[in-house]
Amino acid sequence: MHLMNFPMVFGVLSALALWVAARAGAALHKRSGPTPEGAQEDLGFVVGAILTLLGLLIGFSFSMAISRYDQRKNYEEEEANAIGTEYVRADLLPAAEGTAVRQLLSKYLDQRILWYEARDRAKLSAIDAETTRLENQMWAEVKTAAGAQPNQIVAVVVTGMNDVLNRQGYTQAAWWNRIPTTAWALMLLIALFASFLIGYSARVFSGAMFWILPIAVAVSFTLIADIDSPRGGLILVVPQNLVSLAQSIR
């Protein structure tokens, strides 16, 4: 299971791991004895460089998470627009087919709202299965209408239904698009190395001081993981456009 789906847990574990690394550096420093003055200055430059690199990686990862979050929000809006447009275009079909398509779109819209709000995997699987069933039924309805009346008016409805199905696929792809695990591992490795060096270069071995960097970095990791997690965090994509559409068509 993806640990980044639980941002708070990941943040706490990160803080503990970084604190342990800082204490390990301090313990090694005590064992090896005092550092010469020149070596202490060189070590300070190394620590500064490592912290700068860590800050750049955190900033880059935050930018990646924000862009993915914005993409998920945009696709939710596009889904609502596609469904609403197709609901109106269903009036172009014969009465029986048009009514059937609108009823199916209404049920489909409810499933899409549930999909955005679901967090339980079992419930999500049931929603996906029902969504696929409705998609097949909607396509069958417009396909039947197109076969009975192959004209430009029906073609507009078919194109609209194709947009509805495509938007769902784009949304799913956007929710799968996460910050790579390799990037997380590299960022955590550099953070551990930075904490170790800070502990090693410390002149005053204070337990409270060794918590400063771990807490700061862990808060950053928690925020990034929260934004990057579509279902596991506190910052979620609210299907406000889909909900608004559902209220308007009823």
Protein backbone atom coordinates (compact mmCIF):
# COMPACT_ATOMS: atom_id res chain seq x y z
CA MET A 1 0.00 0.00 0.00
CA HIS A 2 1.28 3.44 -0.97
CA LEU A 3 2.58 5.08 2.24
CA MET A 4 2.05 8.54 0.74
CA ASN A 5 -1.70 7.82 0.76
CA PHE A 6 -1.45 8.47 4.52
CA PRO A 7 0.28 11.89 4.70
CA MET A 8 0.10 12.29 8.48
CA VAL A 9 1.61 8.86 9.11
CA PHE A 10 4.28 9.54 6.52
CA GLY A 11 5.08 12.89 8.14
CA VAL A 12 5.43 11.42 11.64
CA LEU A 13 7.63 8.57 10.40
CA SER A 14 9.78 11.04 8.46
CA ALA A 15 10.26 13.22 11.55
CA LEU A 16 11.30 10.24 13.63
CA ALA A 17 13.70 8.95 10.97
CA LEU A 18 15.32 12.38 10.57
CA TRP A 19 15.67 12.78 14.34
CA VAL A 20 17.34 9.37 14.59
CA ALA A 21 19.74 10.40 11.79
CA ALA A 22 20.61 13.61 13.67
CA ARG A 23 21.22 11.72 16.90
CA ALA A 24 23.36 9.19 15.04
CA GLY A 25 25.49 12.02 13.64
CA ALA A 26 25.87 13.54 17.10
CA ALA A 27 26.83 10.17 18.59
CA LEU A 28 29.47 9.64 15.90
CA HIS A 29 30.84 13.13 16.56
CA LYS A 30 31.16 12.41 20.27
CA ARG A 31 32.93 9.15 19.57
CA SER A 32 35.37 10.63 17.04
CA GLY A 33 36.32 13.60 19.23
CA PRO A 34 36.39 17.35 18.49
CA THR A 35 36.61 18.49 14.88
CA PRO A 36 39.55 20.74 13.90
CA GLU A 37 38.63 24.37 13.24
CA GLY A 38 39.35 24.21 9.50
CA ALA A 39 37.44 20.98 9.08
CA GLN A 40 34.51 22.47 10.99
CA GLU A 41 34.26 25.33 8.48
CA ASP A 42 34.42 22.93 5.54
CA LEU A 43 31.72 20.81 7.14
CA GLY A 44 29.57 23.93 7.49
CA PHE A 45 29.82 24.57 3.75
CA VAL A 46 28.83 20.97 3.03
CA VAL A 47 25.83 21.19 5.36
CA GLY A 48 24.74 24.44 3.72
CA ALA A 49 24.99 22.89 0.26
CA ILE A 50 23.03 19.80 1.30
CA LEU A 51 20.29 21.92 2.87
CA THR A 52 20.10 24.08 -0.27
CA LEU A 53 19.73 20.98 -2.42
CA LEU A 54 17.06 19.63 -0.06
CA GLY A 55 15.17 22.91 -0.23
CA LEU A 56 15.26 22.84 -4.04
CA LEU A 57 13.96 19.28 -4.13
CA ILE A 58 11.15 20.08 -1.70
CA GLY A 59 10.19 23.14 -3.76
CA PHE A 60 10.27 21.15 -7.00
CA SER A 61 8.18 18.35 -5.48
CA PHE A 62 5.66 20.86 -4.11
CA SER A 63 5.35 22.37 -7.59
CA MET A 64 4.77 18.89 -9.06
CA ALA A 65 2.07 18.13 -6.48
CA ILE A 66 0.31 21.46 -7.09
CA SER A 67 0.28 20.97 -10.87
CA ARG A 68 -1.24 17.50 -10.49
CA TYR A 69 -3.86 18.80 -8.07
CA ASP A 70 -4.80 21.58 -10.49
CA GLN A 71 -5.04 19.02 -13.28
CA ARG A 72 -7.47 16.90 -11.27
CA LYS A 73 -9.60 19.99 -10.56
CA ASN A 74 -9.64 20.98 -14.23
CA TYR A 75 -10.72 17.53 -15.36
CA GLU A 76 -13.57 17.55 -12.84
CA GLU A 77 -14.81 20.76 -14.42
CA GLU A 78 -14.42 19.32 -17.91
CA GLU A 79 -16.34 16.20 -16.92
CA ALA A 80 -19.23 18.31 -15.65
CA ASN A 81 -19.26 20.35 -18.85
CA ALA A 82 -19.20 17.24 -21.06
CA ILE A 83 -22.03 15.54 -19.16
CA GLY A 84 -24.14 18.70 -19.09
CA THR A 85 -23.66 19.29 -22.82
CA GLU A 86 -24.57 15.72 -23.69
CA TYR A 87 -27.65 15.90 -21.45
CA VAL A 88 -28.88 18.86 -23.51
CA ARG A 89 -27.94 17.22 -26.82
CA ALA A 90 -30.02 14.17 -25.94
CA ASP A 91 -33.06 16.26 -26.96
CA LEU A 92 -31.88 15.86 -30.56
CA LEU A 93 -32.56 12.12 -30.42
CA PRO A 94 -35.97 10.51 -30.91
CA ALA A 95 -38.14 10.73 -27.79
CA ALA A 96 -37.53 7.17 -26.55
CA GLU A 97 -33.76 7.20 -27.06
CA GLY A 98 -33.45 10.74 -25.73
CA THR A 99 -35.27 9.88 -22.51
CA ALA A 100 -33.18 6.75 -22.03
CA VAL A 101 -29.91 8.66 -22.55
CA ARG A 102 -30.89 11.40 -20.09
CA GLN A 103 -31.83 8.83 -17.44
CA LEU A 104 -28.55 7.02 -17.93
CA LEU A 105 -26.60 10.29 -17.80
CA SER A 106 -28.30 11.19 -14.53
CA LYS A 107 -27.31 7.85 -12.99
CA TYR A 108 -23.83 8.19 -14.45
CA LEU A 109 -23.49 11.65 -12.91
CA ASP A 110 -24.38 10.25 -9.49
CA GLN A 111 -21.68 7.60 -9.86
CA ARG A 112 -19.09 10.19 -10.84
CA ILE A 113 -19.87 12.23 -7.74
CA LEU A 114 -19.55 9.12 -5.58
CA TRP A 115 -16.25 8.31 -7.30
CA TYR A 116 -14.77 11.65 -6.33
CA GLU A 117 -15.94 11.32 -2.74
CA ALA A 118 -15.06 7.64 -2.20
CA ARG A 119 -12.10 6.64 -0.04
CA ASP A 120 -12.89 3.00 0.67
CA ARG A 121 -11.31 0.67 -1.90
CA ALA A 122 -14.18 -1.82 -1.86
CA LYS A 123 -16.72 0.94 -2.42
CA LEU A 124 -14.54 2.40 -5.16
CA SER A 125 -14.42 -0.94 -6.99
CA ALA A 126 -18.22 -1.16 -6.93
CA ILE A 127 -18.48 2.41 -8.25
CA ASP A 128 -16.04 1.63 -11.07
CA ALA A 129 -18.03 -1.45 -12.05
CA GLU A 130 -21.32 0.47 -12.10
CA THR A 131 -19.70 3.32 -14.04
CA THR A 132 -18.45 0.91 -16.70
CA ARG A 133 -21.89 -0.66 -16.98
CA LEU A 134 -23.56 2.72 -17.45
CA GLU A 135 -20.97 3.78 -20.02
CA ASN A 136 -21.66 0.66 -22.06
CA GLN A 137 -25.41 1.28 -21.89
CA MET A 138 -25.09 4.94 -22.89
CA TRP A 139 -22.88 4.09 -25.83
CA ALA A 140 -25.28 1.35 -26.91
CA GLU A 141 -28.19 3.83 -26.89
CA VAL A 142 -26.46 6.44 -29.06
CA LYS A 143 -25.04 3.72 -31.31
CA THR A 144 -28.55 2.37 -31.90
CA ALA A 145 -29.86 5.86 -32.66
CA ALA A 146 -26.97 6.51 -35.04
CA GLY A 147 -27.65 3.25 -36.85
CA ALA A 148 -31.34 4.05 -37.23
CA GLN A 149 -30.80 7.67 -38.33
CA PRO A 150 -27.25 8.21 -39.64
CA ASN A 151 -27.36 11.99 -40.03
CA GLN A 152 -25.36 14.97 -38.81
CA ILE A 153 -27.74 15.74 -35.95
CA VAL A 154 -27.31 12.30 -34.39
CA ALA A 155 -23.57 12.53 -35.09
CA VAL A 156 -23.44 15.53 -32.76
CA VAL A 157 -24.95 13.42 -29.98
CA VAL A 158 -22.49 10.60 -30.67
CA THR A 159 -19.59 13.05 -30.51
CA GLY A 160 -20.87 14.41 -27.20
CA MET A 161 -21.11 10.93 -25.72
CA ASN A 162 -17.58 10.24 -26.89
CA ASP A 163 -16.45 13.37 -25.00
CA VAL A 164 -18.19 12.15 -21.84
CA LEU A 165 -16.38 8.81 -21.97
CA ASN A 166 -13.03 10.42 -22.84
CA ARG A 167 -13.23 12.87 -19.94
CA GLN A 168 -13.70 10.00 -17.53
CA GLY A 169 -10.57 8.33 -18.89
CA TYR A 170 -8.58 11.56 -18.67
CA THR A 171 -9.70 12.04 -15.07
CA GLN A 172 -8.65 8.52 -14.10
CA ALA A 173 -5.23 9.04 -15.69
CA ALA A 174 -4.79 12.32 -13.78
CA TRP A 175 -5.57 10.60 -10.47
CA TRP A 176 -3.00 7.92 -11.23
CA ASN A 177 -0.38 10.57 -12.04
CA ARG A 178 1.50 10.92 -8.75
CA ILE A 179 4.97 12.02 -7.70
CA PRO A 180 7.22 9.01 -8.49
CA THR A 181 8.31 6.85 -5.56
CA THR A 182 11.91 7.25 -6.73
CA ALA A 183 11.64 11.02 -6.27
CA TRP A 184 10.30 10.53 -2.74
CA ALA A 185 13.13 8.10 -1.92
CA LEU A 186 15.78 10.49 -3.21
CA MET A 187 14.32 13.43 -1.30
CA LEU A 188 14.09 11.41 1.93
CA LEU A 189 17.66 10.12 1.48
CA ILE A 190 19.05 13.64 1.12
CA ALA A 191 17.00 14.78 4.13
CA LEU A 192 18.45 11.93 6.22
CA PHE A 193 21.96 12.81 5.08
CA ALA A 194 21.37 16.49 5.95
CA SER A 195 20.08 15.58 9.42
CA PHE A 196 23.05 13.31 10.01
CA LEU A 197 25.51 16.07 9.05
CA ILE A 198 23.72 18.60 11.26
CA GLY A 199 24.00 16.22 14.19
CA TYR A 200 27.64 15.54 13.39
CA SER A 201 28.53 19.24 13.08
CA ALA A 202 26.63 20.34 16.20
CA ARG A 203 28.69 21.91 18.93
CA VAL A 204 25.91 21.84 21.52
CA PHE A 205 24.27 18.44 21.87
CA SER A 206 20.73 19.52 22.71
CA GLY A 207 17.86 17.12 22.15
CA ALA A 208 15.44 19.96 21.36
CA MET A 209 17.78 21.37 18.69
CA PHE A 210 17.82 18.07 16.82
CA TRP A 211 14.04 18.28 16.35
CA ILE A 212 14.10 21.57 14.40
CA LEU A 213 15.05 20.23 10.98
CA PRO A 214 13.10 16.94 11.28
CA ILE A 215 9.88 18.78 12.16
CA ALA A 216 10.33 21.40 9.43
CA VAL A 217 11.08 18.82 6.75
CA ALA A 218 8.34 16.45 7.98
CA VAL A 219 5.74 19.25 7.77
CA SER A 220 6.87 19.94 4.19
CA PHE A 221 6.68 16.23 3.31
CA THR A 222 3.22 15.98 4.88
CA LEU A 223 1.90 18.93 2.88
CA ILE A 224 3.33 17.62 -0.40
CA ALA A 225 2.00 14.10 0.22
CA ASP A 226 -1.40 15.48 1.19
CA ILE A 227 -1.74 17.52 -2.00
CA ASP A 228 -0.41 14.65 -4.11
CA SER A 229 -2.77 12.07 -2.59
CA PRO A 230 -6.19 12.20 -4.35
CA ARG A 231 -8.02 10.28 -1.63
CA GLY A 232 -5.80 9.93 1.44
CA GLY A 233 -5.22 13.52 2.52
CA LEU A 234 -7.20 16.47 3.79
CA ILE A 235 -6.78 18.56 0.62
CA LEU A 236 -9.15 16.84 -1.81
CA VAL A 237 -10.78 17.69 -5.12
CA VAL A 238 -14.41 18.49 -4.28
CA PRO A 239 -16.77 17.65 -7.19
CA GLN A 240 -18.57 20.98 -6.87
CA ASN A 241 -19.20 21.31 -10.62
CA LEU A 242 -20.68 17.81 -10.83
CA VAL A 243 -22.83 18.40 -7.75
CA SER A 244 -24.04 21.70 -9.18
CA LEU A 245 -24.90 19.98 -12.46
CA ALA A 246 -26.79 17.22 -10.65
CA GLN A 247 -28.85 19.81 -8.80
CA SER A 248 -29.62 21.77 -11.97
CA ILE A 249 -30.82 18.84 -14.09
CA ARG A 250 -33.19 17.71 -11.32
